[in-house]
């Protein structure tokens, strides 16, 4: 992360000289996401807020979707679901406007997961089912897994053990797929290193 931060800061300096607002917003967002991974939430909020301010000023919906999603993730990571919700809600609205199915799926599942955590399991089922349908359209295995996890927890909370089991099994299938892909990537990486040596 420290190396990534060094290069992002260098890129930020270059784009600041060229006054490229779109790239500045993207780099602020990337820096904010690194701070989130490092657990430095205050600095993450500052960077992500700067990214959103630029996006709002330019009225660039795609940049707004990016920044809003990251801000939602920041608060979700801290289990501050009430703070995360408005960011995801706005992200969903803009994702619909620009026609980004991937971002719509992410926002729907995030909102559904928040509903589940707030004890609103019926709302969670609705949102996560919509998100899962969209995730299937874009064929995103990680998103499908998250959608199934949300539906499993929500149906379990509602006392519907049959549907809970169904989504639990689906989530495990997606988990296996993700693990296989990760293992294949590691083997390819090892093979590449061997060839380099």
Protein backbone atom coordinates (compact mmCIF):
# COMPACT_ATOMS: atom_id res chain seq x y z
CA UNK A 1 0.00 0.00 0.00
CA UNK A 2 2.85 2.40 0.75
CA UNK A 3 4.24 1.95 -2.77
CA UNK A 4 0.80 2.38 -4.31
CA UNK A 5 0.31 5.56 -2.29
CA UNK A 6 3.67 6.93 -3.44
CA UNK A 7 2.77 6.49 -7.12
CA UNK A 8 -0.76 7.82 -6.70
CA UNK A 9 0.64 10.95 -5.03
CA UNK A 10 3.07 11.41 -7.93
CA UNK A 11 0.23 11.00 -10.43
CA UNK A 12 -1.85 13.47 -8.43
CA UNK A 13 0.92 16.08 -8.74
CA UNK A 14 1.10 15.55 -12.52
CA UNK A 15 -2.66 15.85 -13.06
CA UNK A 16 -2.85 18.87 -10.77
CA UNK A 17 -0.38 20.70 -13.04
CA UNK A 18 -2.39 19.67 -16.11
CA UNK A 19 -5.64 20.65 -14.34
CA UNK A 20 -7.28 17.34 -15.27
CA UNK A 21 -10.21 17.27 -12.83
CA UNK A 22 -11.50 13.85 -13.89
CA UNK A 23 -8.14 12.19 -13.18
CA UNK A 24 -7.78 14.10 -9.90
CA UNK A 25 -11.15 12.72 -8.77
CA UNK A 26 -10.13 9.18 -9.74
CA UNK A 27 -6.79 9.43 -7.94
CA UNK A 28 -8.37 10.91 -4.80
CA UNK A 29 -10.78 7.97 -4.87
CA UNK A 30 -7.92 5.45 -5.24
CA UNK A 31 -5.99 7.09 -2.39
CA UNK A 32 -9.12 7.02 -0.22
CA UNK A 33 -9.59 3.31 -0.92
CA UNK A 34 -5.99 2.60 0.14
CA UNK A 35 -6.58 4.50 3.38
CA UNK A 36 -9.69 2.33 3.97
CA UNK A 37 -7.60 -0.84 3.51
CA UNK A 38 -5.05 0.55 5.98
CA UNK A 39 -7.80 1.36 8.49
CA UNK A 40 -7.05 5.10 8.33
CA UNK A 41 -10.71 6.11 8.08
CA UNK A 42 -10.31 9.85 8.73
CA UNK A 43 -7.84 10.30 5.86
CA UNK A 44 -9.99 8.03 3.69
CA UNK A 45 -13.02 10.25 4.30
CA UNK A 46 -11.03 13.38 3.38
CA UNK A 47 -9.76 11.89 0.10
CA UNK A 48 -13.10 10.38 -0.90
CA UNK A 49 -14.94 13.61 -0.06
CA UNK A 50 -12.52 15.55 -2.27
CA UNK A 51 -13.23 13.07 -5.07
CA UNK A 52 -16.99 13.55 -4.64
CA UNK A 53 -16.67 17.36 -4.56
CA UNK A 54 -14.86 17.32 -7.92
CA UNK A 55 -17.44 14.89 -9.37
CA UNK A 56 -20.34 17.04 -8.10
CA UNK A 57 -18.75 20.22 -9.44
CA UNK A 58 -18.30 18.65 -12.88
CA UNK A 59 -21.74 17.01 -12.62
CA UNK A 60 -20.12 13.83 -13.93
CA UNK A 61 -22.45 10.99 -12.98
CA UNK A 62 -19.87 8.25 -13.61
CA UNK A 63 -17.38 9.93 -11.24
CA UNK A 64 -20.17 10.51 -8.72
CA UNK A 65 -21.09 6.81 -8.80
CA UNK A 66 -17.44 5.89 -8.14
CA UNK A 67 -17.03 8.32 -5.22
CA UNK A 68 -20.43 7.58 -3.64
CA UNK A 69 -19.82 3.83 -3.78
CA UNK A 70 -16.41 4.26 -2.09
CA UNK A 71 -17.89 6.51 0.62
CA UNK A 72 -20.62 3.93 1.24
CA UNK A 73 -17.95 1.21 1.51
CA UNK A 74 -15.97 3.38 3.95
CA UNK A 75 -18.85 3.64 6.41
CA UNK A 76 -19.98 0.04 5.84
CA UNK A 77 -16.45 -1.10 6.72
CA UNK A 78 -16.82 0.72 10.05
CA UNK A 79 -20.29 -0.84 10.63
CA UNK A 80 -21.80 2.67 10.47
CA UNK A 81 -24.75 1.55 8.37
CA UNK A 82 -26.85 4.67 8.90
CA UNK A 83 -24.06 6.83 7.43
CA UNK A 84 -23.40 4.38 4.58
CA UNK A 85 -27.03 4.17 3.41
CA UNK A 86 -27.47 7.65 1.83
CA UNK A 87 -24.24 7.23 -0.16
CA UNK A 88 -25.38 3.87 -1.57
CA UNK A 89 -28.87 5.23 -2.26
CA UNK A 90 -27.50 8.16 -4.26
CA UNK A 91 -25.04 5.82 -5.98
CA UNK A 92 -27.93 3.59 -7.05
CA UNK A 93 -29.88 6.54 -8.48
CA UNK A 94 -26.91 7.77 -10.54
CA UNK A 95 -26.05 4.21 -11.65
CA UNK A 96 -29.54 3.92 -13.10
CA UNK A 97 -29.14 7.26 -14.87
CA UNK A 98 -25.90 6.21 -16.57
CA UNK A 99 -27.14 2.64 -17.18
CA UNK A 100 -24.37 0.90 -15.23
CA UNK A 101 -25.78 -2.54 -14.37
CA UNK A 102 -22.65 -3.52 -12.42
CA UNK A 103 -22.90 -0.46 -10.14
CA UNK A 104 -26.65 -0.95 -9.73
CA UNK A 105 -26.06 -4.54 -8.61
CA UNK A 106 -23.37 -3.46 -6.13
CA UNK A 107 -25.54 -0.69 -4.68
CA UNK A 108 -28.68 -2.87 -4.42
CA UNK A 109 -26.78 -5.63 -2.59
CA UNK A 110 -25.06 -3.11 -0.31
CA UNK A 111 -28.41 -1.50 0.57
CA UNK A 112 -29.95 -4.95 1.11
CA UNK A 113 -27.08 -5.95 3.40
CA UNK A 114 -27.61 -2.77 5.41
CA UNK A 115 -31.36 -3.48 5.67
CA UNK A 116 -30.51 -6.96 6.96
CA UNK A 117 -28.10 -5.55 9.56
CA UNK A 118 -30.72 -3.03 10.66
CA UNK A 119 -33.24 -5.84 11.21
CA UNK A 120 -35.37 -5.00 8.16
CA UNK A 121 -35.21 -8.46 6.62
CA UNK A 122 -38.18 -8.08 4.23
CA UNK A 123 -36.63 -4.96 2.69
CA UNK A 124 -33.28 -6.76 2.59
CA UNK A 125 -34.80 -9.65 0.61
CA UNK A 126 -36.28 -7.25 -1.96
CA UNK A 127 -33.04 -5.29 -2.46
CA UNK A 128 -30.72 -8.31 -2.48
CA UNK A 129 -32.97 -10.22 -4.89
CA UNK A 130 -32.90 -7.25 -7.28
CA UNK A 131 -29.13 -6.99 -6.84
CA UNK A 132 -28.64 -10.72 -7.42
CA UNK A 133 -30.69 -10.58 -10.65
CA UNK A 134 -28.47 -7.74 -11.91
CA UNK A 135 -25.31 -9.57 -10.78
CA UNK A 136 -26.41 -12.56 -12.87
CA UNK A 137 -26.80 -10.27 -15.90
CA UNK A 138 -23.19 -9.05 -15.59
CA UNK A 139 -21.97 -12.54 -14.58
CA UNK A 140 -20.11 -11.29 -11.52
CA UNK A 141 -19.35 -14.25 -9.24
CA UNK A 142 -18.25 -12.11 -6.23
CA UNK A 143 -21.45 -10.05 -6.46
CA UNK A 144 -23.62 -13.16 -6.83
CA UNK A 145 -21.97 -14.58 -3.70
CA UNK A 146 -22.64 -11.37 -1.76
CA UNK A 147 -26.26 -11.36 -2.94
CA UNK A 148 -26.75 -14.98 -1.86
CA UNK A 149 -25.10 -14.30 1.53
CA UNK A 150 -27.52 -11.43 2.08
CA UNK A 151 -30.54 -13.52 1.05
CA UNK A 152 -29.40 -16.41 3.24
CA UNK A 153 -29.17 -14.19 6.33
CA UNK A 154 -32.43 -12.37 5.56
CA UNK A 155 -34.47 -15.52 4.96
CA UNK A 156 -32.97 -17.11 8.06
CA UNK A 157 -34.01 -14.05 10.10
CA UNK A 158 -37.53 -14.32 8.63
CA UNK A 159 -37.71 -17.99 9.68
CA UNK A 160 -37.82 -19.33 6.10
CA UNK A 161 -35.27 -22.11 6.49
CA UNK A 162 -35.97 -23.64 3.05
CA UNK A 163 -35.02 -20.51 1.11
CA UNK A 164 -32.22 -19.73 3.57
CA UNK A 165 -30.68 -23.16 2.86
CA UNK A 166 -31.05 -22.67 -0.90
CA UNK A 167 -29.13 -19.38 -0.86
CA UNK A 168 -26.57 -20.74 1.61
CA UNK A 169 -25.78 -23.57 -0.81
CA UNK A 170 -25.59 -21.16 -3.76
CA UNK A 171 -23.22 -18.88 -1.81
CA UNK A 172 -20.97 -21.88 -1.08
CA UNK A 173 -20.92 -22.81 -4.78
CA UNK A 174 -19.84 -19.27 -5.67
CA UNK A 175 -17.24 -19.35 -2.88
CA UNK A 176 -15.81 -22.55 -4.38
CA UNK A 177 -15.64 -20.87 -7.82
CA UNK A 178 -13.82 -17.87 -6.35
CA UNK A 179 -11.36 -20.13 -4.50
CA UNK A 180 -10.67 -22.12 -7.68
CA UNK A 181 -10.03 -18.92 -9.65
CA UNK A 182 -7.71 -17.63 -6.90
CA UNK A 183 -5.80 -20.93 -6.80
CA UNK A 184 -5.45 -20.91 -10.59
CA UNK A 185 -4.08 -17.35 -10.45
CA UNK A 186 -1.56 -18.34 -7.78
CA UNK A 187 -0.39 -21.34 -9.82
CA UNK A 188 0.00 -19.11 -12.90
CA UNK A 189 1.98 -16.63 -10.80
CA UNK A 190 4.27 -19.36 -9.50
CA UNK A 191 4.74 -20.69 -13.05
CA UNK A 192 5.63 -17.20 -14.25
CA UNK A 193 8.18 -16.74 -11.43
CA UNK A 194 9.70 -20.12 -12.27
CA UNK A 195 10.09 -19.10 -15.92
CA UNK A 196 11.66 -15.80 -14.85
CA UNK A 197 14.21 -17.65 -12.72
